[in-house]
Amino acid sequence: QVRLVESRGGLVQAGGSLRLSCAASGISFSINAMDWYRQTPGKRRETVASITSGGVTNYADSVKDRFTISRDNARNTLYLQMNNLRPEDTAVYYCSTRPQYIRYWGQGTQVTVAS
């Protein structure tokens, strides 16, 4: 059974930093690409960042140069370091992966950035 568990998000002031983590189980973590998504009420869930099994990363333009996705294959854990946070980054953040063409999601964690 695939399980993705995000760390608790939180409330941070604009310009601040926050690191999210996602513990994965039930998959061969090291061979799977991993993603972070986010969603705000009334909007579609959007990709924030992705990392391949080989460590190649990709970012949404809105977070480029502020967010960093990384992975620790020894710990089966995915990370998202978020710096210089803006109020528009406020959203529920989801960890996700799609092994064998089935997409799995974590439960989501709320990040709120106060102006």
Protein backbone atom coordinates (compact mmCIF):
# COMPACT_ATOMS: atom_id res chain seq x y z
CA GLN A 1 0.00 0.00 0.00
CA VAL A 2 1.44 3.33 -1.09
CA ARG A 3 1.53 5.94 1.66
CA LEU A 4 2.72 9.52 1.42
CA VAL A 5 2.77 11.55 4.62
CA GLU A 6 3.62 15.25 4.52
CA SER A 7 5.01 17.10 7.47
CA ARG A 8 2.98 19.82 9.11
CA GLY A 9 3.00 23.12 7.25
CA GLY A 10 2.33 26.28 9.12
CA LEU A 11 1.99 30.01 9.23
CA VAL A 12 4.95 32.12 8.16
CA GLN A 13 5.50 35.80 7.48
CA ALA A 14 6.15 36.98 3.95
CA GLY A 15 9.82 36.67 3.18
CA GLY A 16 10.21 33.76 5.55
CA SER A 17 11.15 30.15 4.93
CA LEU A 18 9.60 26.77 5.52
CA ARG A 19 10.66 23.21 4.70
CA LEU A 20 8.14 20.51 3.95
CA SER A 21 8.95 16.83 3.99
CA CYS A 22 7.11 13.79 2.69
CA ALA A 23 7.76 10.30 3.98
CA ALA A 24 7.00 7.62 1.41
CA SER A 25 6.30 3.94 1.93
CA GLY A 26 4.93 1.12 -0.18
CA ILE A 27 6.91 2.13 -3.26
CA SER A 28 10.42 1.72 -4.54
CA PHE A 29 11.15 5.32 -3.67
CA SER A 30 14.55 5.62 -5.30
CA ILE A 31 13.33 4.69 -8.78
CA ASN A 32 10.28 6.93 -8.86
CA ALA A 33 9.93 10.55 -9.82
CA MET A 34 8.35 12.63 -7.07
CA ASP A 35 6.32 15.81 -7.21
CA TRP A 36 5.01 18.61 -5.06
CA TYR A 37 1.65 20.14 -5.97
CA ARG A 38 -0.40 22.87 -4.37
CA GLN A 39 -4.01 23.94 -4.45
CA THR A 40 -6.00 26.95 -3.33
CA PRO A 41 -9.80 27.05 -3.02
CA GLY A 42 -11.53 27.32 -6.38
CA LYS A 43 -8.37 26.62 -8.36
CA ARG A 44 -6.93 23.54 -10.01
CA ARG A 45 -4.14 21.69 -8.31
CA GLU A 46 -0.86 22.82 -9.86
CA THR A 47 2.57 21.35 -10.06
CA VAL A 48 5.11 23.20 -7.93
CA ALA A 49 8.22 21.11 -8.43
CA SER A 50 9.32 17.71 -9.64
CA ILE A 51 12.40 15.56 -9.23
CA THR A 52 13.31 12.51 -11.24
CA SER A 53 14.87 9.36 -9.86
CA GLY A 54 18.19 10.71 -11.10
CA GLY A 55 17.77 14.02 -9.30
CA VAL A 56 16.82 16.20 -12.25
CA THR A 57 14.52 18.96 -11.03
CA ASN A 58 11.86 21.12 -12.60
CA TYR A 59 9.96 24.06 -11.15
CA ALA A 60 6.92 26.15 -11.87
CA ASP A 61 7.94 29.61 -13.00
CA SER A 62 6.24 31.14 -9.98
CA VAL A 63 8.57 29.38 -7.53
CA LYS A 64 11.78 29.17 -9.53
CA ASP A 65 14.81 30.47 -7.61
CA ARG A 66 12.81 30.44 -4.35
CA PHE A 67 11.88 26.78 -3.84
CA THR A 68 14.17 23.74 -3.90
CA ILE A 69 12.98 20.16 -4.23
CA SER A 70 15.27 17.38 -3.05
CA ARG A 71 15.15 13.76 -2.05
CA ASP A 72 16.89 11.44 0.38
CA ASN A 73 16.60 7.96 -1.05
CA ALA A 74 18.13 6.39 2.05
CA ARG A 75 15.27 7.82 4.11
CA ASN A 76 12.53 7.49 1.46
CA THR A 77 11.83 11.16 2.00
CA LEU A 78 11.06 14.04 -0.31
CA TYR A 79 11.65 17.67 0.67
CA LEU A 80 10.56 21.10 -0.45
CA GLN A 81 12.59 24.02 0.85
CA MET A 82 10.59 27.22 0.41
CA ASN A 83 12.39 30.54 0.77
CA ASN A 84 11.27 34.12 0.32
CA LEU A 85 7.66 33.06 0.72
CA ARG A 86 4.92 35.27 -0.62
CA PRO A 87 1.23 35.53 0.31
CA GLU A 88 0.37 34.00 -3.06
CA ASP A 89 2.21 30.82 -1.99
CA THR A 90 -0.58 30.19 0.52
CA ALA A 91 -2.10 26.83 -0.39
CA VAL A 92 -2.45 23.22 0.60
CA TYR A 93 0.70 21.43 -0.53
CA TYR A 94 0.63 17.81 -1.64
CA CYS A 95 3.32 15.24 -2.16
CA SER A 96 2.65 12.96 -5.10
CA THR A 97 4.08 10.18 -7.21
CA ARG A 98 2.91 8.10 -10.14
CA PRO A 99 4.48 4.65 -10.15
CA GLN A 100 3.11 2.44 -12.90
CA TYR A 101 0.74 5.16 -14.17
CA ILE A 102 -1.35 5.37 -10.97
CA ARG A 103 -1.01 8.70 -9.20
CA TYR A 104 -0.88 8.74 -5.44
CA TRP A 105 -1.32 11.72 -3.13
CA GLY A 106 -0.47 12.61 0.40
CA GLN A 107 -3.09 14.07 2.70
CA GLY A 108 -1.91 17.62 2.07
CA THR A 109 -0.53 20.22 4.43
CA GLN A 110 -1.59 23.85 4.79
CA VAL A 111 0.97 26.59 4.25
CA THR A 112 -0.18 30.11 5.03
CA VAL A 113 1.96 33.14 4.28
CA ALA A 114 0.95 36.33 6.05
CA SER A 115 1.67 39.68 4.48
